[in-house]
């Protein structure tokens, strides 16, 4: 399965920005650096080796 991977720090507001889209993650992840494999249909959030959350991927619509 093809994917790209990011390493991001969760903000104080419990959010991460992935490809210009803001995602909200569980508050227990605030301040943590997480590994985020970005698949075509979902994002997976790993802290160390543990999967902590999965969210559907959102795409921006082209401006008209």
C-alpha atoms as a PDB file:
ATOM      1  CA  UNK A   1       0.000   0.000   0.000  1.00  0.00           C
ATOM      2  CA  UNK A   2       1.398   3.402  -0.978  1.00  0.00           C
ATOM      3  CA  UNK A   3       1.654   6.142   1.610  1.00  0.00           C
ATOM      4  CA  UNK A   4       3.818   9.016   2.758  1.00  0.00           C
ATOM      5  CA  UNK A   5       4.888   9.470   6.352  1.00  0.00           C
ATOM      6  CA  UNK A   6       5.180  12.598   8.491  1.00  0.00           C
ATOM      7  CA  UNK A   7       6.512  13.239  11.970  1.00  0.00           C
ATOM      8  CA  UNK A   8       4.495  15.987  13.665  1.00  0.00           C
ATOM      9  CA  UNK A   9       4.117  17.532  17.116  1.00  0.00           C
ATOM     10  CA  UNK A  10       0.570  17.779  18.494  1.00  0.00           C
ATOM     11  CA  UNK A  11      -0.306  21.387  19.401  1.00  0.00           C
ATOM     12  CA  UNK A  12      -1.700  22.647  22.717  1.00  0.00           C
ATOM     13  CA  UNK A  13      -5.111  22.768  21.036  1.00  0.00           C
ATOM     14  CA  UNK A  14      -4.876  19.038  20.277  1.00  0.00           C
ATOM     15  CA  UNK A  15      -4.478  19.514  16.515  1.00  0.00           C
ATOM     16  CA  UNK A  16      -2.146  18.566  13.675  1.00  0.00           C
ATOM     17  CA  UNK A  17      -1.897  20.049  10.191  1.00  0.00           C
ATOM     18  CA  UNK A  18      -1.476  17.516   7.404  1.00  0.00           C
ATOM     19  CA  UNK A  19      -1.276  18.758   3.816  1.00  0.00           C
ATOM     20  CA  UNK A  20      -3.061  22.042   4.702  1.00  0.00           C
ATOM     21  CA  UNK A  21      -5.930  20.282   6.517  1.00  0.00           C
ATOM     22  CA  UNK A  22      -6.303  20.640  10.301  1.00  0.00           C
ATOM     23  CA  UNK A  23      -7.139  17.446  12.209  1.00  0.00           C
ATOM     24  CA  UNK A  24      -8.171  17.153  15.852  1.00  0.00           C
ATOM     25  CA  UNK A  25      -6.630  14.273  17.800  1.00  0.00           C
ATOM     26  CA  UNK A  26      -7.193  13.004  21.363  1.00  0.00           C
ATOM     27  CA  UNK A  27      -6.057  15.474  24.029  1.00  0.00           C
ATOM     28  CA  UNK A  28      -3.800  12.839  25.632  1.00  0.00           C
ATOM     29  CA  UNK A  29      -1.480  13.370  22.617  1.00  0.00           C
ATOM     30  CA  UNK A  30      -0.840  17.101  23.329  1.00  0.00           C
ATOM     31  CA  UNK A  31       2.879  17.873  23.185  1.00  0.00           C
ATOM     32  CA  UNK A  32       3.753  14.453  21.761  1.00  0.00           C
ATOM     33  CA  UNK A  33       5.584  13.945  18.502  1.00  0.00           C
ATOM     34  CA  UNK A  34       3.657  11.401  16.477  1.00  0.00           C
ATOM     35  CA  UNK A  35       4.393   9.433  13.330  1.00  0.00           C
ATOM     36  CA  UNK A  36       1.623   9.865  10.751  1.00  0.00           C
ATOM     37  CA  UNK A  37       1.408   7.517   7.770  1.00  0.00           C
ATOM     38  CA  UNK A  38      -0.784   9.369   5.229  1.00  0.00           C
ATOM     39  CA  UNK A  39      -2.793   6.920   3.094  1.00  0.00           C
ATOM     40  CA  UNK A  40      -5.175   7.909   0.283  1.00  0.00           C
ATOM     41  CA  UNK A  41      -8.237   7.323   2.505  1.00  0.00           C
ATOM     42  CA  UNK A  42      -7.027   7.705   6.110  1.00  0.00           C
ATOM     43  CA  UNK A  43      -4.402   8.943   8.545  1.00  0.00           C
ATOM     44  CA  UNK A  44      -2.964   6.749  11.284  1.00  0.00           C
ATOM     45  CA  UNK A  45      -1.326   8.279  14.365  1.00  0.00           C
ATOM     46  CA  UNK A  46       1.445   6.392  16.150  1.00  0.00           C
ATOM     47  CA  UNK A  47       3.150   7.337  19.392  1.00  0.00           C
ATOM     48  CA  UNK A  48       6.292   5.234  19.691  1.00  0.00           C
ATOM     49  CA  UNK A  49       5.108   1.924  18.179  1.00  0.00           C
ATOM     50  CA  UNK A  50       1.495   2.130  19.380  1.00  0.00           C
ATOM     51  CA  UNK A  51      -1.394   3.118  17.120  1.00  0.00           C
ATOM     52  CA  UNK A  52      -3.247   5.848  19.055  1.00  0.00           C
ATOM     53  CA  UNK A  53      -5.861   7.062  16.542  1.00  0.00           C
ATOM     54  CA  UNK A  54      -7.084   6.714  12.967  1.00  0.00           C
ATOM     55  CA  UNK A  55      -9.036   9.379  11.062  1.00  0.00           C
ATOM     56  CA  UNK A  56     -10.522   9.530   7.551  1.00  0.00           C
ATOM     57  CA  UNK A  57      -8.459  11.613   5.149  1.00  0.00           C
ATOM     58  CA  UNK A  58      -9.944  14.940   4.052  1.00  0.00           C
ATOM     59  CA  UNK A  59      -9.076  16.589   0.737  1.00  0.00           C
ATOM     60  CA  UNK A  60      -9.296  20.296  -0.070  1.00  0.00           C
ATOM     61  CA  UNK A  61     -11.530  21.179  -2.983  1.00  0.00           C
ATOM     62  CA  UNK A  62     -10.031  23.227  -5.797  1.00  0.00           C
ATOM     63  CA  UNK A  63     -11.001  26.918  -5.742  1.00  0.00           C
ATOM     64  CA  UNK A  64     -13.317  27.958  -8.545  1.00  0.00           C
END
